[in-house]
Amino acid sequence: MNNVIITGATSMLGVALISECLKRKTSVTAIVRKNSQKKYLIPNSKLTTIIECDASSFASLAIDVQLGFDAFYHFAWEGTKNTDRNIVDTQYRNITYTLDAVRLAQRLKCNKFIGSGSQAEYGRAEGMINPEMAVSPDTAYGVSKYASGRLSAILAKQIGLDFIWLRIFSIYGVNDTPSTMIMYCIDSLLKGEKPILTQCGQRWDYLNCRDAARAFYLLGERGQSQCIYNIGNGVARPLSDYVYEIRDAIDPVLPLGLGEREYSPNQVMNLCPDISTLKRDTGFKPLISFSDGIRETIEWFRGVTK
């Protein structure tokens, strides 16, 4: 690919994808919130152009750039924190913003629109989770992700734009947000504190953000239009396994508060994505082990909290 557009460009996923693009000499137009305090995270490069625009202004955005892009990646989303995921009005607005982003991609003569859905679309599922299975989201966030994906797929088809929807599972790594389980554990353990956790018997799949960025890039090149792809590692383990690896990478003698917190009433116990269609269509395979990825994440966090 020669040039792409990315919304939500200061997110962990956005920054990782920009880095992947630059590594491959692909130009990036990065759309960020107005007055974004995280704009500094975007790599400084002659291949990168930054546009400030809130999602609420996608419908009226006029970009003074040469038209014609290989792909439009849409990561921008309001209300991603756990405390905001059942605020109905916030999540509802994201549906409109996603449709506005599809129309923006058409105006800019993009070849392909790639939208970011979520594991939350599936709800509480058993066994391997594949993109063809029925969904049953039980949060406003999951419902709005599903509605955004279905409606934007229809709109893209109507206006002649290739369309891909990503259902992203658990991604971690450099620039992760403080609210995730992984970052909570890292922060607590580096302070010498005991993280208070559930029994962590859930089966989880974690993928490093740099591997995820590579999957996104390959889908921009090779993904099939009107397809849904799960983004994950493809191998799930008990959540406690990851917790022990995080602890051991910091200090094996530190205590862990496993079982000291109750599971939530609607606790999802299984997140085991089937990524066979992703592998089939793009040749993707994860390259970064959790052991290596978590050590990199810990060292990054040490640096930003000095």
C-alpha atoms as a PDB file:
ATOM      1  CA  MET A   1       0.000   0.000   0.000  1.00  0.00           C
ATOM      2  CA  ASN A   2       1.163   3.532  -0.744  1.00  0.00           C
ATOM      3  CA  ASN A   3      -1.035   5.651   1.511  1.00  0.00           C
ATOM      4  CA  VAL A   4      -3.677   5.140   4.199  1.00  0.00           C
ATOM      5  CA  ILE A   5      -5.894   7.148   6.552  1.00  0.00           C
ATOM      6  CA  ILE A   6      -6.271   6.244  10.236  1.00  0.00           C
ATOM      7  CA  THR A   7      -8.830   7.663  12.693  1.00  0.00           C
ATOM      8  CA  GLY A   8      -8.243   7.180  16.402  1.00  0.00           C
ATOM      9  CA  ALA A   9      -4.582   7.504  15.480  1.00  0.00           C
ATOM     10  CA  THR A  10      -3.315   8.197  19.021  1.00  0.00           C
ATOM     11  CA  SER A  11      -4.764   4.969  20.444  1.00  0.00           C
ATOM     12  CA  MET A  12      -2.515   1.990  21.120  1.00  0.00           C
ATOM     13  CA  LEU A  13      -3.812   0.360  17.937  1.00  0.00           C
ATOM     14  CA  GLY A  14      -3.523   3.538  15.875  1.00  0.00           C
ATOM     15  CA  VAL A  15       0.069   4.259  16.924  1.00  0.00           C
ATOM     16  CA  ALA A  16       1.101   0.638  16.359  1.00  0.00           C
ATOM     17  CA  LEU A  17      -0.433   0.649  12.873  1.00  0.00           C
ATOM     18  CA  ILE A  18       1.251   3.945  12.000  1.00  0.00           C
ATOM     19  CA  SER A  19       4.605   2.445  13.023  1.00  0.00           C
ATOM     20  CA  GLU A  20       3.921  -0.617  10.868  1.00  0.00           C
ATOM     21  CA  CYS A  21       3.017   1.589   7.909  1.00  0.00           C
ATOM     22  CA  LEU A  22       6.162   3.688   8.253  1.00  0.00           C
ATOM     23  CA  LYS A  23       8.273   0.549   8.459  1.00  0.00           C
ATOM     24  CA  ARG A  24       6.792  -0.432   5.087  1.00  0.00           C
ATOM     25  CA  LYS A  25       7.247   3.102   3.610  1.00  0.00           C
ATOM     26  CA  THR A  26       3.478   3.685   3.511  1.00  0.00           C
ATOM     27  CA  SER A  27       2.319   7.287   3.943  1.00  0.00           C
ATOM     28  CA  VAL A  28      -0.196   7.932   6.727  1.00  0.00           C
ATOM     29  CA  THR A  29      -2.822  10.629   7.203  1.00  0.00           C
ATOM     30  CA  ALA A  30      -3.582  10.467  10.943  1.00  0.00           C
ATOM     31  CA  ILE A  31      -6.894  11.902  12.148  1.00  0.00           C
ATOM     32  CA  VAL A  32      -6.807  12.852  15.847  1.00  0.00           C
ATOM     33  CA  ARG A  33      -9.125  14.660  18.257  1.00  0.00           C
ATOM     34  CA  LYS A  34      -8.846  18.433  18.385  1.00  0.00           C
ATOM     35  CA  ASN A  35      -6.275  19.515  20.974  1.00  0.00           C
ATOM     36  CA  SER A  36      -5.331  15.890  21.582  1.00  0.00           C
ATOM     37  CA  GLN A  37      -2.898  15.552  24.477  1.00  0.00           C
ATOM     38  CA  LYS A  38      -1.632  12.293  22.991  1.00  0.00           C
ATOM     39  CA  LYS A  39      -0.670  13.682  19.593  1.00  0.00           C
ATOM     40  CA  TYR A  40       2.992  13.394  20.590  1.00  0.00           C
ATOM     41  CA  LEU A  41       2.663   9.586  20.375  1.00  0.00           C
ATOM     42  CA  ILE A  42       2.438   9.729  16.585  1.00  0.00           C
ATOM     43  CA  PRO A  43       5.878   9.036  15.100  1.00  0.00           C
ATOM     44  CA  ASN A  44       7.503  12.094  13.558  1.00  0.00           C
ATOM     45  CA  SER A  45       8.067  11.319   9.899  1.00  0.00           C
ATOM     46  CA  LYS A  46       7.878  13.009   6.515  1.00  0.00           C
ATOM     47  CA  LEU A  47       5.447  10.218   5.619  1.00  0.00           C
ATOM     48  CA  THR A  48       2.967  11.289   8.322  1.00  0.00           C
ATOM     49  CA  THR A  49       0.320  14.029   8.061  1.00  0.00           C
ATOM     50  CA  ILE A  50      -1.780  14.898  11.128  1.00  0.00           C
ATOM     51  CA  ILE A  51      -5.341  16.231  10.821  1.00  0.00           C
ATOM     52  CA  GLU A  52      -7.233  17.399  13.926  1.00  0.00           C
ATOM     53  CA  CYS A  53     -10.927  16.519  13.794  1.00  0.00           C
ATOM     54  CA  ASP A  54     -13.400  15.162  16.334  1.00  0.00           C
ATOM     55  CA  ALA A  55     -15.557  12.217  15.298  1.00  0.00           C
ATOM     56  CA  SER A  56     -18.615  14.475  15.478  1.00  0.00           C
ATOM     57  CA  SER A  57     -17.159  16.487  12.572  1.00  0.00           C
ATOM     58  CA  PHE A  58     -16.361  13.616  10.200  1.00  0.00           C
ATOM     59  CA  ALA A  59     -19.461  14.454   8.145  1.00  0.00           C
ATOM     60  CA  SER A  60     -18.211  17.960   7.347  1.00  0.00           C
ATOM     61  CA  LEU A  61     -14.454  17.361   7.252  1.00  0.00           C
ATOM     62  CA  ALA A  62     -12.706  18.659   4.156  1.00  0.00           C
ATOM     63  CA  ILE A  63      -9.078  17.536   3.928  1.00  0.00           C
ATOM     64  CA  ASP A  64      -6.711  19.412   1.652  1.00  0.00           C
ATOM     65  CA  VAL A  65      -4.865  16.321   0.438  1.00  0.00           C
ATOM     66  CA  GLN A  66      -4.481  14.542  -2.862  1.00  0.00           C
ATOM     67  CA  LEU A  67      -7.471  12.225  -3.249  1.00  0.00           C
ATOM     68  CA  GLY A  68      -7.038   8.482  -3.522  1.00  0.00           C
ATOM     69  CA  PHE A  69      -6.011   6.227  -0.628  1.00  0.00           C
ATOM     70  CA  ASP A  70      -5.463   2.502  -0.436  1.00  0.00           C
ATOM     71  CA  ALA A  71      -7.302   2.059   2.866  1.00  0.00           C
ATOM     72  CA  PHE A  72      -9.248   3.957   5.523  1.00  0.00           C
ATOM     73  CA  TYR A  73      -8.793   2.490   9.025  1.00  0.00           C
ATOM     74  CA  HIS A  74     -11.460   3.582  11.505  1.00  0.00           C
ATOM     75  CA  PHE A  75     -10.411   3.155  15.160  1.00  0.00           C
ATOM     76  CA  ALA A  76     -11.995   6.300  16.644  1.00  0.00           C
ATOM     77  CA  TRP A  77     -14.618   5.444  19.274  1.00  0.00           C
ATOM     78  CA  GLU A  78     -16.140   7.266  22.230  1.00  0.00           C
ATOM     79  CA  GLY A  79     -16.759   5.560  25.563  1.00  0.00           C
ATOM     80  CA  THR A  80     -14.212   2.742  25.531  1.00  0.00           C
ATOM     81  CA  LYS A  81     -13.618   2.666  29.291  1.00  0.00           C
ATOM     82  CA  ASN A  82     -15.477  -0.040  31.203  1.00  0.00           C
ATOM     83  CA  THR A  83     -17.359   2.642  33.133  1.00  0.00           C
ATOM     84  CA  ASP A  84     -18.695   4.091  29.855  1.00  0.00           C
ATOM     85  CA  ARG A  85     -19.635   0.936  27.998  1.00  0.00           C
ATOM     86  CA  ASN A  86     -23.273   0.974  29.090  1.00  0.00           C
ATOM     87  CA  ILE A  87     -23.891   4.681  28.561  1.00  0.00           C
ATOM     88  CA  VAL A  88     -26.440   4.238  25.798  1.00  0.00           C
ATOM     89  CA  ASP A  89     -26.375   7.749  24.331  1.00  0.00           C
ATOM     90  CA  THR A  90     -22.575   7.760  24.061  1.00  0.00           C
ATOM     91  CA  GLN A  91     -22.471   4.358  22.380  1.00  0.00           C
ATOM     92  CA  TYR A  92     -25.341   5.248  20.053  1.00  0.00           C
ATOM     93  CA  ARG A  93     -23.436   8.261  18.718  1.00  0.00           C
ATOM     94  CA  ASN A  94     -20.626   5.968  17.610  1.00  0.00           C
ATOM     95  CA  ILE A  95     -22.938   4.343  15.058  1.00  0.00           C
ATOM     96  CA  THR A  96     -23.472   7.692  13.336  1.00  0.00           C
ATOM     97  CA  TYR A  97     -19.752   8.502  13.512  1.00  0.00           C
ATOM     98  CA  THR A  98     -18.893   5.179  11.855  1.00  0.00           C
ATOM     99  CA  LEU A  99     -21.322   5.833   9.007  1.00  0.00           C
ATOM    100  CA  ASP A 100     -19.883   9.338   8.660  1.00  0.00           C
ATOM    101  CA  ALA A 101     -16.410   7.784   8.429  1.00  0.00           C
ATOM    102  CA  VAL A 102     -17.563   5.492   5.603  1.00  0.00           C
ATOM    103  CA  ARG A 103     -18.888   8.492   3.679  1.00  0.00           C
ATOM    104  CA  LEU A 104     -15.651  10.372   4.381  1.00  0.00           C
ATOM    105  CA  ALA A 105     -13.707   7.431   2.949  1.00  0.00           C
ATOM    106  CA  GLN A 106     -15.818   7.645  -0.200  1.00  0.00           C
ATOM    107  CA  ARG A 107     -15.248  11.408  -0.549  1.00  0.00           C
ATOM    108  CA  LEU A 108     -11.517  10.873  -0.241  1.00  0.00           C
ATOM    109  CA  LYS A 109     -11.656   8.126  -2.887  1.00  0.00           C
ATOM    110  CA  CYS A 110     -10.349   5.398  -0.605  1.00  0.00           C
ATOM    111  CA  ASN A 111     -10.286   1.880  -2.048  1.00  0.00           C
ATOM    112  CA  LYS A 112     -11.201   0.094   1.168  1.00  0.00           C
ATOM    113  CA  PHE A 113     -12.810   0.852   4.547  1.00  0.00           C
ATOM    114  CA  ILE A 114     -11.632  -1.158   7.565  1.00  0.00           C
ATOM    115  CA  GLY A 115     -13.730  -0.724  10.706  1.00  0.00           C
ATOM    116  CA  SER A 116     -12.870  -1.789  14.243  1.00  0.00           C
ATOM    117  CA  GLY A 117     -15.426  -3.984  15.925  1.00  0.00           C
ATOM    118  CA  SER A 118     -14.967  -5.913  19.155  1.00  0.00           C
ATOM    119  CA  GLN A 119     -15.099  -9.250  20.911  1.00  0.00           C
ATOM    120  CA  ALA A 120     -17.966  -7.625  22.845  1.00  0.00           C
ATOM    121  CA  GLU A 121     -20.200  -8.251  19.832  1.00  0.00           C
ATOM    122  CA  TYR A 122     -20.238 -11.981  20.646  1.00  0.00           C
ATOM    123  CA  GLY A 123     -21.293 -11.616  24.268  1.00  0.00           C
ATOM    124  CA  ARG A 124     -20.827 -14.768  26.366  1.00  0.00           C
ATOM    125  CA  ALA A 125     -19.907 -17.527  23.925  1.00  0.00           C
ATOM    126  CA  GLU A 126     -18.571 -21.043  24.427  1.00  0.00           C
ATOM    127  CA  GLY A 127     -15.712 -22.786  22.648  1.00  0.00           C
ATOM    128  CA  MET A 128     -13.872 -21.351  19.672  1.00  0.00           C
ATOM    129  CA  ILE A 129     -15.488 -18.125  18.506  1.00  0.00           C
ATOM    130  CA  ASN A 130     -15.667 -17.760  14.743  1.00  0.00           C
ATOM    131  CA  PRO A 131     -17.001 -14.818  12.705  1.00  0.00           C
ATOM    132  CA  GLU A 132     -19.900 -16.840  11.313  1.00  0.00           C
ATOM    133  CA  MET A 133     -21.502 -17.641  14.655  1.00  0.00           C
ATOM    134  CA  ALA A 134     -24.515 -15.788  16.012  1.00  0.00           C
ATOM    135  CA  VAL A 135     -23.745 -12.776  18.165  1.00  0.00           C
ATOM    136  CA  SER A 136     -25.386 -11.845  21.456  1.00  0.00           C
ATOM    137  CA  PRO A 137     -23.868  -8.627  22.824  1.00  0.00           C
ATOM    138  CA  ASP A 138     -24.955  -7.773  26.358  1.00  0.00           C
ATOM    139  CA  THR A 139     -23.507  -4.259  26.711  1.00  0.00           C
ATOM    140  CA  ALA A 140     -24.386  -1.037  24.932  1.00  0.00           C
ATOM    141  CA  TYR A 141     -20.794  -1.007  23.675  1.00  0.00           C
ATOM    142  CA  GLY A 142     -21.139  -4.456  22.096  1.00  0.00           C
ATOM    143  CA  VAL A 143     -24.536  -3.629  20.606  1.00  0.00           C
ATOM    144  CA  SER A 144     -23.258  -0.390  19.060  1.00  0.00           C
ATOM    145  CA  LYS A 145     -20.175  -2.117  17.669  1.00  0.00           C
ATOM    146  CA  TYR A 146     -22.381  -4.756  16.037  1.00  0.00           C
ATOM    147  CA  ALA A 147     -24.848  -2.200  14.686  1.00  0.00           C
ATOM    148  CA  SER A 148     -21.993  -0.060  13.355  1.00  0.00           C
ATOM    149  CA  GLY A 149     -20.501  -3.036  11.562  1.00  0.00           C
ATOM    150  CA  ARG A 150     -23.725  -4.204   9.962  1.00  0.00           C
ATOM    151  CA  LEU A 151     -24.947  -0.757   8.916  1.00  0.00           C
ATOM    152  CA  SER A 152     -21.578   0.395   7.592  1.00  0.00           C
ATOM    153  CA  ALA A 153     -21.233  -2.840   5.601  1.00  0.00           C
ATOM    154  CA  ILE A 154     -24.571  -2.089   3.911  1.00  0.00           C
ATOM    155  CA  LEU A 155     -23.645   1.527   3.272  1.00  0.00           C
ATOM    156  CA  ALA A 156     -20.237   0.620   1.850  1.00  0.00           C
ATOM    157  CA  LYS A 157     -21.841  -1.850  -0.540  1.00  0.00           C
ATOM    158  CA  GLN A 158     -24.381   0.740  -1.674  1.00  0.00           C
ATOM    159  CA  ILE A 159     -21.677   3.293  -2.487  1.00  0.00           C
ATOM    160  CA  GLY A 160     -19.240   0.831  -4.050  1.00  0.00           C
ATOM    161  CA  LEU A 161     -16.571   0.808  -1.330  1.00  0.00           C
ATOM    162  CA  ASP A 162     -14.726  -2.358  -0.316  1.00  0.00           C
ATOM    163  CA  PHE A 163     -15.440  -3.068   3.346  1.00  0.00           C
ATOM    164  CA  ILE A 164     -13.839  -5.122   6.128  1.00  0.00           C
ATOM    165  CA  TRP A 165     -14.948  -5.405   9.758  1.00  0.00           C
ATOM    166  CA  LEU A 166     -12.492  -6.394  12.494  1.00  0.00           C
ATOM    167  CA  ARG A 167     -13.627  -8.062  15.706  1.00  0.00           C
ATOM    168  CA  ILE A 168     -10.697  -7.269  17.941  1.00  0.00           C
ATOM    169  CA  PHE A 169     -10.029  -9.441  20.984  1.00  0.00           C
ATOM    170  CA  SER A 170      -7.573  -8.664  23.790  1.00  0.00           C
ATOM    171  CA  ILE A 171      -4.652  -6.563  22.583  1.00  0.00           C
ATOM    172  CA  TYR A 172      -1.873  -5.371  24.895  1.00  0.00           C
ATOM    173  CA  GLY A 173       1.474  -3.627  24.606  1.00  0.00           C
ATOM    174  CA  VAL A 174       3.177  -0.269  24.447  1.00  0.00           C
ATOM    175  CA  ASN A 175       0.713   2.642  24.872  1.00  0.00           C
ATOM    176  CA  ASP A 176      -1.956   0.445  26.470  1.00  0.00           C
ATOM    177  CA  THR A 177      -4.485   2.267  28.664  1.00  0.00           C
ATOM    178  CA  PRO A 178      -4.251   2.130  32.495  1.00  0.00           C
ATOM    179  CA  SER A 179      -7.698   0.525  32.877  1.00  0.00           C
ATOM    180  CA  THR A 180      -6.837  -2.884  31.402  1.00  0.00           C
ATOM    181  CA  MET A 181      -6.152  -5.919  33.583  1.00  0.00           C
ATOM    182  CA  ILE A 182      -2.599  -6.185  32.266  1.00  0.00           C
ATOM    183  CA  MET A 183      -1.731  -2.554  32.981  1.00  0.00           C
ATOM    184  CA  TYR A 184      -3.378  -2.727  36.398  1.00  0.00           C
ATOM    185  CA  CYS A 185      -1.191  -5.719  37.296  1.00  0.00           C
ATOM    186  CA  ILE A 186       1.979  -4.108  35.948  1.00  0.00           C
ATOM    187  CA  ASP A 187       1.308  -0.844  37.768  1.00  0.00           C
ATOM    188  CA  SER A 188       0.508  -2.562  41.070  1.00  0.00           C
ATOM    189  CA  LEU A 189       3.464  -4.946  40.964  1.00  0.00           C
ATOM    190  CA  LEU A 190       5.981  -2.266  40.026  1.00  0.00           C
ATOM    191  CA  LYS A 191       4.802  -0.349  43.093  1.00  0.00           C
ATOM    192  CA  GLY A 192       5.278  -3.484  45.207  1.00  0.00           C
ATOM    193  CA  GLU A 193       1.540  -3.722  45.746  1.00  0.00           C
ATOM    194  CA  LYS A 194      -0.612  -6.847  45.519  1.00  0.00           C
ATOM    195  CA  PRO A 195      -3.081  -6.728  42.602  1.00  0.00           C
ATOM    196  CA  ILE A 196      -6.555  -7.718  43.786  1.00  0.00           C
ATOM    197  CA  LEU A 197      -7.974 -10.111  41.203  1.00  0.00           C
ATOM    198  CA  THR A 198     -10.667 -12.692  40.600  1.00  0.00           C
ATOM    199  CA  GLN A 199      -9.655 -16.350  40.489  1.00  0.00           C
ATOM    200  CA  CYS A 200      -8.746 -15.600  36.841  1.00  0.00           C
ATOM    201  CA  GLY A 201     -10.144 -18.875  35.576  1.00  0.00           C
ATOM    202  CA  GLN A 202     -11.348 -17.238  32.354  1.00  0.00           C
ATOM    203  CA  ARG A 203      -9.823 -18.508  29.111  1.00  0.00           C
ATOM    204  CA  TRP A 204      -8.320 -15.497  27.340  1.00  0.00           C
ATOM    205  CA  ASP A 205      -6.421 -14.768  24.151  1.00  0.00           C
ATOM    206  CA  TYR A 206      -3.839 -11.970  24.172  1.00  0.00           C
ATOM    207  CA  LEU A 207      -2.135 -10.509  21.103  1.00  0.00           C
ATOM    208  CA  ASN A 208       0.667  -7.951  21.153  1.00  0.00           C
ATOM    209  CA  CYS A 209      -0.233  -4.623  19.523  1.00  0.00           C
ATOM    210  CA  ARG A 210       2.667  -4.901  17.054  1.00  0.00           C
ATOM    211  CA  ASP A 211       1.346  -8.249  15.848  1.00  0.00           C
ATOM    212  CA  ALA A 212      -2.143  -6.731  15.664  1.00  0.00           C
ATOM    213  CA  ALA A 213      -0.802  -3.851  13.554  1.00  0.00           C
ATOM    214  CA  ARG A 214       0.727  -6.333  11.145  1.00  0.00           C
ATOM    215  CA  ALA A 215      -2.639  -8.103  10.847  1.00  0.00           C
ATOM    216  CA  PHE A 216      -4.358  -4.769  10.149  1.00  0.00           C
ATOM    217  CA  TYR A 217      -1.818  -3.909   7.456  1.00  0.00           C
ATOM    218  CA  LEU A 218      -2.111  -7.307   5.764  1.00  0.00           C
ATOM    219  CA  LEU A 219      -5.902  -6.968   5.716  1.00  0.00           C
ATOM    220  CA  GLY A 220      -5.490  -3.600   4.006  1.00  0.00           C
ATOM    221  CA  GLU A 221      -3.511  -5.376   1.320  1.00  0.00           C
ATOM    222  CA  ARG A 222      -5.275  -8.736   1.055  1.00  0.00           C
ATOM    223  CA  GLY A 223      -8.517  -8.758   3.059  1.00  0.00           C
ATOM    224  CA  GLN A 224     -11.701  -9.760   1.256  1.00  0.00           C
ATOM    225  CA  SER A 225     -14.506  -7.242   0.936  1.00  0.00           C
ATOM    226  CA  GLN A 226     -17.608  -7.676   3.108  1.00  0.00           C
ATOM    227  CA  CYS A 227     -15.761 -10.086   5.402  1.00  0.00           C
ATOM    228  CA  ILE A 228     -15.488 -10.109   9.191  1.00  0.00           C
ATOM    229  CA  TYR A 229     -12.139 -11.070  10.711  1.00  0.00           C
ATOM    230  CA  ASN A 230     -11.308 -11.963  14.298  1.00  0.00           C
ATOM    231  CA  ILE A 231      -8.082 -10.313  15.466  1.00  0.00           C
ATOM    232  CA  GLY A 232      -6.298 -12.353  18.096  1.00  0.00           C
ATOM    233  CA  ASN A 233      -3.495 -14.796  18.772  1.00  0.00           C
ATOM    234  CA  GLY A 234      -5.592 -17.887  18.101  1.00  0.00           C
ATOM    235  CA  VAL A 235      -4.485 -19.648  21.298  1.00  0.00           C
ATOM    236  CA  ALA A 236      -6.308 -19.081  24.585  1.00  0.00           C
ATOM    237  CA  ARG A 237      -5.013 -19.822  28.084  1.00  0.00           C
ATOM    238  CA  PRO A 238      -6.346 -19.357  31.617  1.00  0.00           C
ATOM    239  CA  LEU A 239      -6.087 -15.703  32.586  1.00  0.00           C
ATOM    240  CA  SER A 240      -4.088 -16.713  35.655  1.00  0.00           C
ATOM    241  CA  ASP A 241      -1.268 -17.924  33.380  1.00  0.00           C
ATOM    242  CA  TYR A 242      -0.803 -14.395  32.062  1.00  0.00           C
ATOM    243  CA  VAL A 243      -0.946 -12.927  35.559  1.00  0.00           C
ATOM    244  CA  TYR A 244       1.844 -15.227  36.752  1.00  0.00           C
ATOM    245  CA  GLU A 245       3.968 -14.340  33.709  1.00  0.00           C
ATOM    246  CA  ILE A 246       3.551 -10.627  34.425  1.00  0.00           C
ATOM    247  CA  ARG A 247       4.464 -11.115  38.095  1.00  0.00           C
ATOM    248  CA  ASP A 248       7.471 -13.325  37.314  1.00  0.00           C
ATOM    249  CA  ALA A 249       8.790 -10.806  34.773  1.00  0.00           C
ATOM    250  CA  ILE A 250       8.797  -8.140  37.517  1.00  0.00           C
ATOM    251  CA  ASP A 251       9.614 -10.096  40.679  1.00  0.00           C
ATOM    252  CA  PRO A 252       8.664 -13.769  41.261  1.00  0.00           C
ATOM    253  CA  VAL A 253       8.335 -13.302  45.031  1.00  0.00           C
ATOM    254  CA  LEU A 254       5.636 -10.621  44.864  1.00  0.00           C
ATOM    255  CA  PRO A 255       2.195 -11.741  46.141  1.00  0.00           C
ATOM    256  CA  LEU A 256      -0.884 -11.982  43.912  1.00  0.00           C
ATOM    257  CA  GLY A 257      -4.436 -11.479  45.137  1.00  0.00           C
ATOM    258  CA  LEU A 258      -5.995 -14.236  43.039  1.00  0.00           C
ATOM    259  CA  GLY A 259      -9.514 -15.003  44.217  1.00  0.00           C
ATOM    260  CA  GLU A 260      -9.778 -11.881  46.374  1.00  0.00           C
ATOM    261  CA  ARG A 261     -12.287 -10.246  44.030  1.00  0.00           C
ATOM    262  CA  GLU A 262     -15.610 -11.722  42.928  1.00  0.00           C
ATOM    263  CA  TYR A 263     -16.405 -12.304  39.287  1.00  0.00           C
ATOM    264  CA  SER A 264     -18.805  -9.711  37.909  1.00  0.00           C
ATOM    265  CA  PRO A 265     -22.426 -10.860  37.486  1.00  0.00           C
ATOM    266  CA  ASN A 266     -22.073 -10.974  33.694  1.00  0.00           C
ATOM    267  CA  GLN A 267     -18.460 -12.153  33.617  1.00  0.00           C
ATOM    268  CA  VAL A 268     -17.330 -13.369  30.190  1.00  0.00           C
ATOM    269  CA  MET A 269     -15.440 -16.605  30.866  1.00  0.00           C
ATOM    270  CA  ASN A 270     -14.389 -17.522  27.338  1.00  0.00           C
ATOM    271  CA  LEU A 271     -12.598 -15.453  24.710  1.00  0.00           C
ATOM    272  CA  CYS A 272     -11.083 -17.956  22.304  1.00  0.00           C
ATOM    273  CA  PRO A 273     -11.095 -16.460  18.784  1.00  0.00           C
ATOM    274  CA  ASP A 274     -10.900 -18.555  15.657  1.00  0.00           C
ATOM    275  CA  ILE A 275      -8.512 -16.617  13.382  1.00  0.00           C
ATOM    276  CA  SER A 276      -8.415 -19.184  10.564  1.00  0.00           C
ATOM    277  CA  THR A 277      -9.979 -16.811   8.001  1.00  0.00           C
ATOM    278  CA  LEU A 278      -7.422 -14.137   8.898  1.00  0.00           C
ATOM    279  CA  LYS A 279      -4.601 -16.637   8.380  1.00  0.00           C
ATOM    280  CA  ARG A 280      -6.137 -17.987   5.169  1.00  0.00           C
ATOM    281  CA  ASP A 281      -6.653 -14.635   3.488  1.00  0.00           C
ATOM    282  CA  THR A 282      -3.505 -12.825   4.634  1.00  0.00           C
ATOM    283  CA  GLY A 283      -0.937 -15.412   5.711  1.00  0.00           C
ATOM    284  CA  PHE A 284      -0.831 -13.779   9.151  1.00  0.00           C
ATOM    285  CA  LYS A 285       0.685 -15.560  12.112  1.00  0.00           C
ATOM    286  CA  PRO A 286       1.644 -14.082  15.490  1.00  0.00           C
ATOM    287  CA  LEU A 287       5.380 -13.557  15.933  1.00  0.00           C
ATOM    288  CA  ILE A 288       5.655 -12.060  19.440  1.00  0.00           C
ATOM    289  CA  SER A 289       5.331 -14.409  22.410  1.00  0.00           C
ATOM    290  CA  PHE A 290       3.478 -13.146  25.459  1.00  0.00           C
ATOM    291  CA  SER A 291       6.697 -13.528  27.452  1.00  0.00           C
ATOM    292  CA  ASP A 292       8.630 -11.214  25.127  1.00  0.00           C
ATOM    293  CA  GLY A 293       5.731  -8.817  24.630  1.00  0.00           C
ATOM    294  CA  ILE A 294       5.020  -8.371  28.314  1.00  0.00           C
ATOM    295  CA  ARG A 295       8.670  -7.658  29.107  1.00  0.00           C
ATOM    296  CA  GLU A 296       8.681  -4.975  26.427  1.00  0.00           C
ATOM    297  CA  THR A 297       5.466  -3.521  27.876  1.00  0.00           C
ATOM    298  CA  ILE A 298       6.878  -3.506  31.408  1.00  0.00           C
ATOM    299  CA  GLU A 299      10.034  -1.694  30.289  1.00  0.00           C
ATOM    300  CA  TRP A 300       7.974   0.872  28.375  1.00  0.00           C
ATOM    301  CA  PHE A 301       5.803   1.478  31.460  1.00  0.00           C
ATOM    302  CA  ARG A 302       8.844   1.838  33.697  1.00  0.00           C
ATOM    303  CA  GLY A 303      10.046   4.569  31.360  1.00  0.00           C
ATOM    304  CA  VAL A 304       6.813   6.569  31.254  1.00  0.00           C
ATOM    305  CA  THR A 305       6.294   6.438  35.013  1.00  0.00           C
ATOM    306  CA  LYS A 306       9.787   7.522  36.097  1.00  0.00           C
END
